[in-house]
Amino acid sequence: MARGSARHPWRAIVGRLVFMALCLGVGSAVGTHSATTADYRVGEAGRPGGGDGRRGGLERGAAGQVLNSSRSGPFDRDAAEAASRDLTGRPRSSPGIHGPGC
């Protein structure tokens, strides 16, 4: 192969370019495969009980945080805790809301 490339360098260059174009064409025709959630369920990460520990899956449930602050004047801790309890207590009765924090 090396001897043939040395004797006919232009044939070797054109042959390699044709081969690369052929590979590019075949690769484009075959297409791609986008990874899905099921593709990530392999190995230790796909075992039951992985992920967030609540449902045994890889998907995490939505989480929220509450930040209490005072617009003016001193911060009233009792009023802030009551407002937080009221805000976090509302979704508990909604369908589809579950987890240790609810």
PDB file of N, CA and C in Angstrom:
ATOM      1  N   MET A   1       0.832  -1.180   0.000  1.00  0.00           N
ATOM      2  CA  MET A   1       0.000   0.000   0.000  1.00  0.00           C
ATOM      3  C   MET A   1       0.888   1.259   0.000  1.00  0.00           C
ATOM      4  N   ALA A   2       1.939   1.229   0.799  1.00  0.00           N
ATOM      5  CA  ALA A   2       2.844   2.380   0.855  1.00  0.00           C
ATOM      6  C   ALA A   2       3.574   2.545  -0.469  1.00  0.00           C
ATOM      7  N   ARG A   3       3.974   1.414  -1.062  1.00  0.00           N
ATOM      8  CA  ARG A   3       4.689   1.482  -2.334  1.00  0.00           C
ATOM      9  C   ARG A   3       3.771   2.046  -3.427  1.00  0.00           C
ATOM     10  N   GLY A   4       2.491   1.620  -3.439  1.00  0.00           N
ATOM     11  CA  GLY A   4       1.537   2.126  -4.421  1.00  0.00           C
ATOM     12  C   GLY A   4       1.262   3.610  -4.225  1.00  0.00           C
ATOM     13  N   SER A   5       1.186   4.060  -2.973  1.00  0.00           N
ATOM     14  CA  SER A   5       0.977   5.489  -2.694  1.00  0.00           C
ATOM     15  C   SER A   5       2.169   6.316  -3.128  1.00  0.00           C
ATOM     16  N   ALA A   6       3.383   5.747  -2.976  1.00  0.00           N
ATOM     17  CA  ALA A   6       4.585   6.475  -3.377  1.00  0.00           C
ATOM     18  C   ALA A   6       4.696   6.567  -4.891  1.00  0.00           C
ATOM     19  N   ARG A   7       4.287   5.522  -5.580  1.00  0.00           N
ATOM     20  CA  ARG A   7       4.392   5.518  -7.037  1.00  0.00           C
ATOM     21  C   ARG A   7       3.311   6.395  -7.686  1.00  0.00           C
ATOM     22  N   HIS A   8       2.111   6.425  -7.091  1.00  0.00           N
ATOM     23  CA  HIS A   8       0.982   7.175  -7.671  1.00  0.00           C
ATOM     24  C   HIS A   8       0.368   8.074  -6.586  1.00  0.00           C
ATOM     25  N   PRO A   9       1.045   9.159  -6.225  1.00  0.00           N
ATOM     26  CA  PRO A   9       0.544   9.984  -5.107  1.00  0.00           C
ATOM     27  C   PRO A   9      -0.814  10.627  -5.390  1.00  0.00           C
ATOM     28  N   TRP A  10      -1.081  11.048  -6.606  1.00  0.00           N
ATOM     29  CA  TRP A  10      -2.373  11.688  -6.889  1.00  0.00           C
ATOM     30  C   TRP A  10      -3.521  10.683  -6.808  1.00  0.00           C
ATOM     31  N   ARG A  11      -3.273   9.463  -7.232  1.00  0.00           N
ATOM     32  CA  ARG A  11      -4.315   8.430  -7.089  1.00  0.00           C
ATOM     33  C   ARG A  11      -4.604   8.172  -5.606  1.00  0.00           C
ATOM     34  N   ALA A  12      -3.564   8.143  -4.783  1.00  0.00           N
ATOM     35  CA  ALA A  12      -3.742   7.903  -3.355  1.00  0.00           C
ATOM     36  C   ALA A  12      -4.528   9.042  -2.707  1.00  0.00           C
ATOM     37  N   ILE A  13      -4.203  10.269  -3.069  1.00  0.00           N
ATOM     38  CA  ILE A  13      -4.905  11.428  -2.496  1.00  0.00           C
ATOM     39  C   ILE A  13      -6.362  11.427  -2.930  1.00  0.00           C
ATOM     40  N   VAL A  14      -6.615  11.219  -4.219  1.00  0.00           N
ATOM     41  CA  VAL A  14      -7.990  11.195  -4.717  1.00  0.00           C
ATOM     42  C   VAL A  14      -8.754  10.014  -4.103  1.00  0.00           C
ATOM     43  N   GLY A  15      -8.105   8.864  -3.998  1.00  0.00           N
ATOM     44  CA  GLY A  15      -8.745   7.696  -3.388  1.00  0.00           C
ATOM     45  C   GLY A  15      -9.155   7.955  -1.945  1.00  0.00           C
ATOM     46  N   ARG A  16      -8.276   8.606  -1.195  1.00  0.00           N
ATOM     47  CA  ARG A  16      -8.607   8.927   0.208  1.00  0.00           C
ATOM     48  C   ARG A  16      -9.746   9.943   0.298  1.00  0.00           C
ATOM     49  N   LEU A  17      -9.736  10.925  -0.581  1.00  0.00           N
ATOM     50  CA  LEU A  17     -10.832  11.909  -0.585  1.00  0.00           C
ATOM     51  C   LEU A  17     -12.162  11.256  -0.943  1.00  0.00           C
ATOM     52  N   VAL A  18     -12.141  10.344  -1.928  1.00  0.00           N
ATOM     53  CA  VAL A  18     -13.369   9.624  -2.293  1.00  0.00           C
ATOM     54  C   VAL A  18     -13.843   8.766  -1.126  1.00  0.00           C
ATOM     55  N   PHE A  19     -12.905   8.096  -0.438  1.00  0.00           N
ATOM     56  CA  PHE A  19     -13.268   7.276   0.718  1.00  0.00           C
ATOM     57  C   PHE A  19     -13.882   8.121   1.832  1.00  0.00           C
ATOM     58  N   MET A  20     -13.297   9.281   2.095  1.00  0.00           N
ATOM     59  CA  MET A  20     -13.845  10.163   3.138  1.00  0.00           C
ATOM     60  C   MET A  20     -15.228  10.672   2.749  1.00  0.00           C
ATOM     61  N   ALA A  21     -15.430  11.024   1.491  1.00  0.00           N
ATOM     62  CA  ALA A  21     -16.745  11.480   1.039  1.00  0.00           C
ATOM     63  C   ALA A  21     -17.776  10.356   1.152  1.00  0.00           C
ATOM     64  N   LEU A  22     -17.359   9.132   0.825  1.00  0.00           N
ATOM     65  CA  LEU A  22     -18.246   7.980   0.952  1.00  0.00           C
ATOM     66  C   LEU A  22     -18.636   7.755   2.414  1.00  0.00           C
ATOM     67  N   CYS A  23     -17.669   7.828   3.309  1.00  0.00           N
ATOM     68  CA  CYS A  23     -17.957   7.666   4.743  1.00  0.00           C
ATOM     69  C   CYS A  23     -18.889   8.762   5.249  1.00  0.00           C
ATOM     70  N   LEU A  24     -18.666   9.987   4.824  1.00  0.00           N
ATOM     71  CA  LEU A  24     -19.526  11.093   5.227  1.00  0.00           C
ATOM     72  C   LEU A  24     -20.945  10.894   4.714  1.00  0.00           C
ATOM     73  N   GLY A  25     -21.084  10.445   3.456  1.00  0.00           N
ATOM     74  CA  GLY A  25     -22.406  10.197   2.885  1.00  0.00           C
ATOM     75  C   GLY A  25     -23.145   9.081   3.591  1.00  0.00           C
ATOM     76  N   VAL A  26     -22.454   7.983   3.888  1.00  0.00           N
ATOM     77  CA  VAL A  26     -23.085   6.868   4.593  1.00  0.00           C
ATOM     78  C   VAL A  26     -23.464   7.286   6.013  1.00  0.00           C
ATOM     79  N   GLY A  27     -22.600   8.010   6.674  1.00  0.00           N
ATOM     80  CA  GLY A  27     -22.912   8.478   8.030  1.00  0.00           C
ATOM     81  C   GLY A  27     -24.116   9.398   8.061  1.00  0.00           C
ATOM     82  N   SER A  28     -24.244  10.259   7.079  1.00  0.00           N
ATOM     83  CA  SER A  28     -25.397  11.159   7.011  1.00  0.00           C
ATOM     84  C   SER A  28     -26.669  10.398   6.681  1.00  0.00           C
ATOM     85  N   ALA A  29     -26.570   9.385   5.861  1.00  0.00           N
ATOM     86  CA  ALA A  29     -27.752   8.602   5.480  1.00  0.00           C
ATOM     87  C   ALA A  29     -28.263   7.754   6.638  1.00  0.00           C
ATOM     88  N   VAL A  30     -27.351   7.253   7.446  1.00  0.00           N
ATOM     89  CA  VAL A  30     -27.749   6.412   8.569  1.00  0.00           C
ATOM     90  C   VAL A  30     -28.477   7.247   9.622  1.00  0.00           C
ATOM     91  N   GLY A  31     -28.050   8.471   9.852  1.00  0.00           N
ATOM     92  CA  GLY A  31     -28.704   9.343  10.823  1.00  0.00           C
ATOM     93  C   GLY A  31     -28.114   9.209  12.204  1.00  0.00           C
ATOM     94  N   THR A  32     -28.812   9.805  13.160  1.00  0.00           N
ATOM     95  CA  THR A  32     -28.351   9.796  14.543  1.00  0.00           C
ATOM     96  C   THR A  32     -29.426   9.218  15.436  1.00  0.00           C
ATOM     97  N   HIS A  33     -29.043   8.880  16.633  1.00  0.00           N
ATOM     98  CA  HIS A  33     -29.965   8.380  17.647  1.00  0.00           C
ATOM     99  C   HIS A  33     -29.841   9.279  18.863  1.00  0.00           C
ATOM    100  N   SER A  34     -30.902   9.979  19.191  1.00  0.00           N
ATOM    101  CA  SER A  34     -30.885  10.835  20.374  1.00  0.00           C
ATOM    102  C   SER A  34     -31.124   9.985  21.612  1.00  0.00           C
ATOM    103  N   ALA A  35     -30.361  10.234  22.648  1.00  0.00           N
ATOM    104  CA  ALA A  35     -30.496   9.483  23.884  1.00  0.00           C
ATOM    105  C   ALA A  35     -31.806   9.841  24.576  1.00  0.00           C
ATOM    106  N   THR A  36     -32.454   8.841  25.145  1.00  0.00           N
ATOM    107  CA  THR A  36     -33.689   9.027  25.904  1.00  0.00           C
ATOM    108  C   THR A  36     -33.420   8.711  27.363  1.00  0.00           C
ATOM    109  N   THR A  37     -34.410   8.905  28.204  1.00  0.00           N
ATOM    110  CA  THR A  37     -34.258   8.604  29.625  1.00  0.00           C
ATOM    111  C   THR A  37     -33.958   7.128  29.830  1.00  0.00           C
ATOM    112  N   ALA A  38     -34.570   6.264  29.018  1.00  0.00           N
ATOM    113  CA  ALA A  38     -34.342   4.826  29.151  1.00  0.00           C
ATOM    114  C   ALA A  38     -32.888   4.457  28.863  1.00  0.00           C
ATOM    115  N   ASP A  39     -32.213   5.216  28.028  1.00  0.00           N
ATOM    116  CA  ASP A  39     -30.823   4.936  27.718  1.00  0.00           C
ATOM    117  C   ASP A  39     -29.910   5.174  28.915  1.00  0.00           C
ATOM    118  N   TYR A  40     -30.319   5.997  29.835  1.00  0.00           N
ATOM    119  CA  TYR A  40     -29.500   6.286  31.006  1.00  0.00           C
ATOM    120  C   TYR A  40     -29.770   5.321  32.151  1.00  0.00           C
ATOM    121  N   ARG A  41     -30.688   4.404  31.972  1.00  0.00           N
ATOM    122  CA  ARG A  41     -31.029   3.448  33.028  1.00  0.00           C
ATOM    123  C   ARG A  41     -30.179   2.187  32.907  1.00  0.00           C
ATOM    124  N   VAL A  42     -28.896   2.350  32.808  1.00  0.00           N
ATOM    125  CA  VAL A  42     -27.983   1.222  32.723  1.00  0.00           C
ATOM    126  C   VAL A  42     -27.025   1.286  33.899  1.00  0.00           C
ATOM    127  N   GLY A  43     -26.510   0.148  34.288  1.00  0.00           N
ATOM    128  CA  GLY A  43     -25.543   0.105  35.379  1.00  0.00           C
ATOM    129  C   GLY A  43     -26.153   0.446  36.725  1.00  0.00           C
ATOM    130  N   GLU A  44     -25.326   0.968  37.585  1.00  0.00           N
ATOM    131  CA  GLU A  44     -25.759   1.261  38.948  1.00  0.00           C
ATOM    132  C   GLU A  44     -26.784   2.383  39.004  1.00  0.00           C
ATOM    133  N   ALA A  45     -26.707   3.330  38.078  1.00  0.00           N
ATOM    134  CA  ALA A  45     -27.650   4.442  38.075  1.00  0.00           C
ATOM    135  C   ALA A  45     -29.063   3.981  37.746  1.00  0.00           C
ATOM    136  N   GLY A  46     -29.209   2.866  37.044  1.00  0.00           N
ATOM    137  CA  GLY A  46     -30.530   2.387  36.663  1.00  0.00           C
ATOM    138  C   GLY A  46     -31.159   1.437  37.648  1.00  0.00           C
ATOM    139  N   ARG A  47     -30.478   1.109  38.710  1.00  0.00           N
ATOM    140  CA  ARG A  47     -31.033   0.185  39.702  1.00  0.00           C
ATOM    141  C   ARG A  47     -32.159   0.843  40.481  1.00  0.00           C
ATOM    142  N   PRO A  48     -33.152   0.031  40.894  1.00  0.00           N
ATOM    143  CA  PRO A  48     -34.225   0.597  41.725  1.00  0.00           C
ATOM    144  C   PRO A  48     -33.655   1.183  43.009  1.00  0.00           C
ATOM    145  N   GLY A  49     -34.218   2.276  43.426  1.00  0.00           N
ATOM    146  CA  GLY A  49     -33.746   2.948  44.633  1.00  0.00           C
ATOM    147  C   GLY A  49     -32.727   4.021  44.350  1.00  0.00           C
ATOM    148  N   GLY A  50     -32.322   4.172  43.099  1.00  0.00           N
ATOM    149  CA  GLY A  50     -31.372   5.221  42.754  1.00  0.00           C
ATOM    150  C   GLY A  50     -32.094   6.541  42.608  1.00  0.00           C
ATOM    151  N   GLY A  51     -31.399   7.529  42.183  1.00  0.00           N
ATOM    152  CA  GLY A  51     -32.029   8.832  41.962  1.00  0.00           C
ATOM    153  C   GLY A  51     -32.263   9.556  43.257  1.00  0.00           C
ATOM    154  N   ASP A  52     -33.458  10.066  43.433  1.00  0.00           N
ATOM    155  CA  ASP A  52     -33.734  10.894  44.597  1.00  0.00           C
ATOM    156  C   ASP A  52     -34.156  10.083  45.816  1.00  0.00           C
ATOM    157  N   GLY A  53     -34.363   8.770  45.670  1.00  0.00           N
ATOM    158  CA  GLY A  53     -34.682   7.942  46.816  1.00  0.00           C
ATOM    159  C   GLY A  53     -36.149   7.901  47.180  1.00  0.00           C
ATOM    160  N   ARG A  54     -36.977   8.725  46.578  1.00  0.00           N
ATOM    161  CA  ARG A  54     -38.385   8.736  46.937  1.00  0.00           C
ATOM    162  C   ARG A  54     -39.189   7.747  46.101  1.00  0.00           C
ATOM    163  N   ARG A  55     -39.009   7.791  44.803  1.00  0.00           N
ATOM    164  CA  ARG A  55     -39.815   6.937  43.933  1.00  0.00           C
ATOM    165  C   ARG A  55     -38.997   5.815  43.312  1.00  0.00           C
ATOM    166  N   GLY A  56     -37.707   5.759  43.589  1.00  0.00           N
ATOM    167  CA  GLY A  56     -36.887   4.704  43.037  1.00  0.00           C
ATOM    168  C   GLY A  56     -36.517   4.920  41.581  1.00  0.00           C
ATOM    169  N   GLY A  57     -36.709   6.106  41.053  1.00  0.00           N
ATOM    170  CA  GLY A  57     -36.403   6.370  39.655  1.00  0.00           C
ATOM    171  C   GLY A  57     -35.340   7.432  39.517  1.00  0.00           C
ATOM    172  N   LEU A  58     -35.026   7.744  38.274  1.00  0.00           N
ATOM    173  CA  LEU A  58     -34.015   8.767  38.028  1.00  0.00           C
ATOM    174  C   LEU A  58     -34.604  10.165  38.006  1.00  0.00           C
ATOM    175  N   GLU A  59     -35.890  10.273  37.721  1.00  0.00           N
ATOM    176  CA  GLU A  59     -36.501  11.589  37.641  1.00  0.00           C
ATOM    177  C   GLU A  59     -36.688  12.156  39.039  1.00  0.00           C
ATOM    178  N   ARG A  60     -36.388  13.404  39.180  1.00  0.00           N
ATOM    179  CA  ARG A  60     -36.598  14.079  40.460  1.00  0.00           C
ATOM    180  C   ARG A  60     -37.888  14.869  40.388  1.00  0.00           C
ATOM    181  N   GLY A  61     -38.581  14.890  41.488  1.00  0.00           N
ATOM    182  CA  GLY A  61     -39.789  15.697  41.553  1.00  0.00           C
ATOM    183  C   GLY A  61     -39.435  17.171  41.677  1.00  0.00           C
ATOM    184  N   ALA A  62     -40.399  17.993  41.417  1.00  0.00           N
ATOM    185  CA  ALA A  62     -40.170  19.434  41.529  1.00  0.00           C
ATOM    186  C   ALA A  62     -39.985  19.805  42.998  1.00  0.00           C
ATOM    187  N   ALA A  63     -39.134  20.749  43.248  1.00  0.00           N
ATOM    188  CA  ALA A  63     -38.879  21.205  44.611  1.00  0.00           C
ATOM    189  C   ALA A  63     -39.032  22.718  44.655  1.00  0.00           C
ATOM    190  N   GLY A  64     -39.392  23.197  45.794  1.00  0.00           N
ATOM    191  CA  GLY A  64     -39.543  24.637  45.939  1.00  0.00           C
ATOM    192  C   GLY A  64     -38.923  25.116  47.243  1.00  0.00           C
ATOM    193  N   GLN A  65     -38.651  26.379  47.312  1.00  0.00           N
ATOM    194  CA  GLN A  65     -38.093  26.982  48.513  1.00  0.00           C
ATOM    195  C   GLN A  65     -38.869  28.243  48.823  1.00  0.00           C
ATOM    196  N   VAL A  66     -38.942  28.551  50.103  1.00  0.00           N
ATOM    197  CA  VAL A  66     -39.637  29.755  50.539  1.00  0.00           C
ATOM    198  C   VAL A  66     -38.617  30.664  51.210  1.00  0.00           C
ATOM    199  N   LEU A  67     -38.587  31.929  50.799  1.00  0.00           N
ATOM    200  CA  LEU A  67     -37.695  32.919  51.385  1.00  0.00           C
ATOM    201  C   LEU A  67     -38.558  34.001  52.016  1.00  0.00           C
ATOM    202  N   ASN A  68     -38.441  34.152  53.294  1.00  0.00           N
ATOM    203  CA  ASN A  68     -39.189  35.181  54.015  1.00  0.00           C
ATOM    204  C   ASN A  68     -38.278  36.367  54.279  1.00  0.00           C
ATOM    205  N   SER A  69     -38.809  37.553  54.028  1.00  0.00           N
ATOM    206  CA  SER A  69     -38.055  38.764  54.320  1.00  0.00           C
ATOM    207  C   SER A  69     -39.036  39.853  54.729  1.00  0.00           C
ATOM    208  N   SER A  70     -38.505  40.883  55.309  1.00  0.00           N
ATOM    209  CA  SER A  70     -39.319  42.004  55.757  1.00  0.00           C
ATOM    210  C   SER A  70     -39.127  43.168  54.791  1.00  0.00           C
ATOM    211  N   ARG A  71     -40.250  43.717  54.295  1.00  0.00           N
ATOM    212  CA  ARG A  71     -40.152  44.865  53.384  1.00  0.00           C
ATOM    213  C   ARG A  71     -39.711  46.123  54.113  1.00  0.00           C
ATOM    214  N   SER A  72     -40.254  46.290  55.294  1.00  0.00           N
ATOM    215  CA  SER A  72     -39.873  47.457  56.099  1.00  0.00           C
ATOM    216  C   SER A  72     -40.027  47.096  57.564  1.00  0.00           C
ATOM    217  N   GLY A  73     -39.173  47.614  58.370  1.00  0.00           N
ATOM    218  CA  GLY A  73     -39.254  47.357  59.803  1.00  0.00           C
ATOM    219  C   GLY A  73     -38.554  46.069  60.180  1.00  0.00           C
ATOM    220  N   PRO A  74     -38.694  45.685  61.445  1.00  0.00           N
ATOM    221  CA  PRO A  74     -38.021  44.471  61.921  1.00  0.00           C
ATOM    222  C   PRO A  74     -38.695  43.199  61.370  1.00  0.00           C
ATOM    223  N   PHE A  75     -37.931  42.151  61.307  1.00  0.00           N
ATOM    224  CA  PHE A  75     -38.424  40.863  60.810  1.00  0.00           C
ATOM    225  C   PHE A  75     -39.205  40.178  61.917  1.00  0.00           C
ATOM    226  N   ASP A  76     -40.451  39.806  61.641  1.00  0.00           N
ATOM    227  CA  ASP A  76     -41.310  39.111  62.604  1.00  0.00           C
ATOM    228  C   ASP A  76     -41.252  37.620  62.310  1.00  0.00           C
ATOM    229  N   ARG A  77     -40.501  36.873  63.116  1.00  0.00           N
ATOM    230  CA  ARG A  77     -40.286  35.449  62.889  1.00  0.00           C
ATOM    231  C   ARG A  77     -41.587  34.661  62.979  1.00  0.00           C
ATOM    232  N   ASP A  78     -42.456  34.971  63.941  1.00  0.00           N
ATOM    233  CA  ASP A  78     -43.709  34.221  64.094  1.00  0.00           C
ATOM    234  C   ASP A  78     -44.607  34.402  62.869  1.00  0.00           C
ATOM    235  N   ALA A  79     -44.708  35.622  62.364  1.00  0.00           N
ATOM    236  CA  ALA A  79     -45.532  35.867  61.177  1.00  0.00           C
ATOM    237  C   ALA A  79     -44.933  35.177  59.954  1.00  0.00           C
ATOM    238  N   ALA A  80     -43.613  35.161  59.853  1.00  0.00           N
ATOM    239  CA  ALA A  80     -42.959  34.510  58.723  1.00  0.00           C
ATOM    240  C   ALA A  80     -43.183  32.998  58.764  1.00  0.00           C
ATOM    241  N   GLU A  81     -43.085  32.388  59.937  1.00  0.00           N
ATOM    242  CA  GLU A  81     -43.319  30.944  60.051  1.00  0.00           C
ATOM    243  C   GLU A  81     -44.770  30.595  59.753  1.00  0.00           C
ATOM    244  N   ALA A  82     -45.708  31.422  60.187  1.00  0.00           N
ATOM    245  CA  ALA A  82     -47.122  31.188  59.883  1.00  0.00           C
ATOM    246  C   ALA A  82     -47.380  31.295  58.383  1.00  0.00           C
ATOM    247  N   ALA A  83     -46.770  32.273  57.737  1.00  0.00           N
ATOM    248  CA  ALA A  83     -46.939  32.424  56.291  1.00  0.00           C
ATOM    249  C   ALA A  83     -46.323  31.239  55.550  1.00  0.00           C
ATOM    250  N   SER A  84     -45.182  30.746  56.012  1.00  0.00           N
ATOM    251  CA  SER A  84     -44.543  29.587  55.389  1.00  0.00           C
ATOM    252  C   SER A  84     -45.395  28.336  55.541  1.00  0.00           C
ATOM    253  N   ARG A  85     -45.951  28.125  56.738  1.00  0.00           N
ATOM    254  CA  ARG A  85     -46.830  26.969  56.953  1.00  0.00           C
ATOM    255  C   ARG A  85     -48.055  27.039  56.068  1.00  0.00           C
ATOM    256  N   ASP A  86     -48.633  28.237  55.922  1.00  0.00           N
ATOM    257  CA  ASP A  86     -49.804  28.402  55.065  1.00  0.00           C
ATOM    258  C   ASP A  86     -49.453  28.118  53.607  1.00  0.00           C
ATOM    259  N   LEU A  87     -48.322  28.640  53.161  1.00  0.00           N
ATOM    260  CA  LEU A  87     -47.926  28.473  51.772  1.00  0.00           C
ATOM    261  C   LEU A  87     -47.589  27.019  51.451  1.00  0.00           C
ATOM    262  N   THR A  88     -46.880  26.328  52.335  1.00  0.00           N
ATOM    263  CA  THR A  88     -46.507  24.942  52.071  1.00  0.00           C
ATOM    264  C   THR A  88     -47.651  23.976  52.356  1.00  0.00           C
ATOM    265  N   GLY A  89     -48.633  24.383  53.112  1.00  0.00           N
ATOM    266  CA  GLY A  89     -49.769  23.507  53.411  1.00  0.00           C
ATOM    267  C   GLY A  89     -50.776  23.431  52.286  1.00  0.00           C
ATOM    268  N   ARG A  90     -50.858  24.429  51.440  1.00  0.00           N
ATOM    269  CA  ARG A  90     -51.842  24.448  50.353  1.00  0.00           C
ATOM    270  C   ARG A  90     -51.661  23.313  49.353  1.00  0.00           C
ATOM    271  N   PRO A  91     -50.464  23.043  48.857  1.00  0.00           N
ATOM    272  CA  PRO A  91     -50.329  22.005  47.832  1.00  0.00           C
ATOM    273  C   PRO A  91     -50.554  20.590  48.336  1.00  0.00           C
ATOM    274  N   ARG A  92     -50.494  20.347  49.631  1.00  0.00           N
ATOM    275  CA  ARG A  92     -50.645  18.987  50.156  1.00  0.00           C
ATOM    276  C   ARG A  92     -51.960  18.349  49.749  1.00  0.00           C
ATOM    277  N   SER A  93     -52.996  19.135  49.619  1.00  0.00           N
ATOM    278  CA  SER A  93     -54.288  18.580  49.257  1.00  0.00           C
ATOM    279  C   SER A  93     -54.460  18.473  47.743  1.00  0.00           C
ATOM    280  N   SER A  94     -53.509  18.962  46.971  1.00  0.00           N
ATOM    281  CA  SER A  94     -53.593  18.908  45.511  1.00  0.00           C
ATOM    282  C   SER A  94     -53.186  17.529  45.006  1.00  0.00           C
ATOM    283  N   PRO A  95     -53.826  17.028  43.927  1.00  0.00           N
ATOM    284  CA  PRO A  95     -53.433  15.731  43.379  1.00  0.00           C
ATOM    285  C   PRO A  95     -52.049  15.810  42.736  1.00  0.00           C
ATOM    286  N   GLY A  96     -51.291  14.741  42.865  1.00  0.00           N
ATOM    287  CA  GLY A  96     -49.967  14.691  42.248  1.00  0.00           C
ATOM    288  C   GLY A  96     -48.862  15.246  43.102  1.00  0.00           C
ATOM    289  N   ILE A  97     -49.172  15.802  44.266  1.00  0.00           N
ATOM    290  CA  ILE A  97     -48.153  16.347  45.155  1.00  0.00           C
ATOM    291  C   ILE A  97     -47.869  15.282  46.211  1.00  0.00           C
ATOM    292  N   HIS A  98     -46.613  14.855  46.301  1.00  0.00           N
ATOM    293  CA  HIS A  98     -46.237  13.858  47.278  1.00  0.00           C
ATOM    294  C   HIS A  98     -44.765  14.030  47.603  1.00  0.00           C
ATOM    295  N   GLY A  99     -44.329  13.314  48.599  1.00  0.00           N
ATOM    296  CA  GLY A  99     -42.923  13.355  48.984  1.00  0.00           C
ATOM    297  C   GLY A  99     -42.777  13.644  50.447  1.00  0.00           C
ATOM    298  N   PRO A 100     -41.557  13.524  50.953  1.00  0.00           N
ATOM    299  CA  PRO A 100     -41.328  13.707  52.378  1.00  0.00           C
ATOM    300  C   PRO A 100     -41.616  15.115  52.875  1.00  0.00           C
ATOM    301  N   GLY A 101     -41.499  16.113  52.033  1.00  0.00           N
ATOM    302  CA  GLY A 101     -41.729  17.481  52.474  1.00  0.00           C
ATOM    303  C   GLY A 101     -43.179  17.882  52.459  1.00  0.00           C
ATOM    304  N   CYS A 102     -44.052  17.014  51.942  1.00  0.00           N
ATOM    305  CA  CYS A 102     -45.468  17.385  51.812  1.00  0.00           C
ATOM    306  C   CYS A 102     -46.340  16.618  52.749  1.00  0.00           C
TER     307      CYS A 102
END
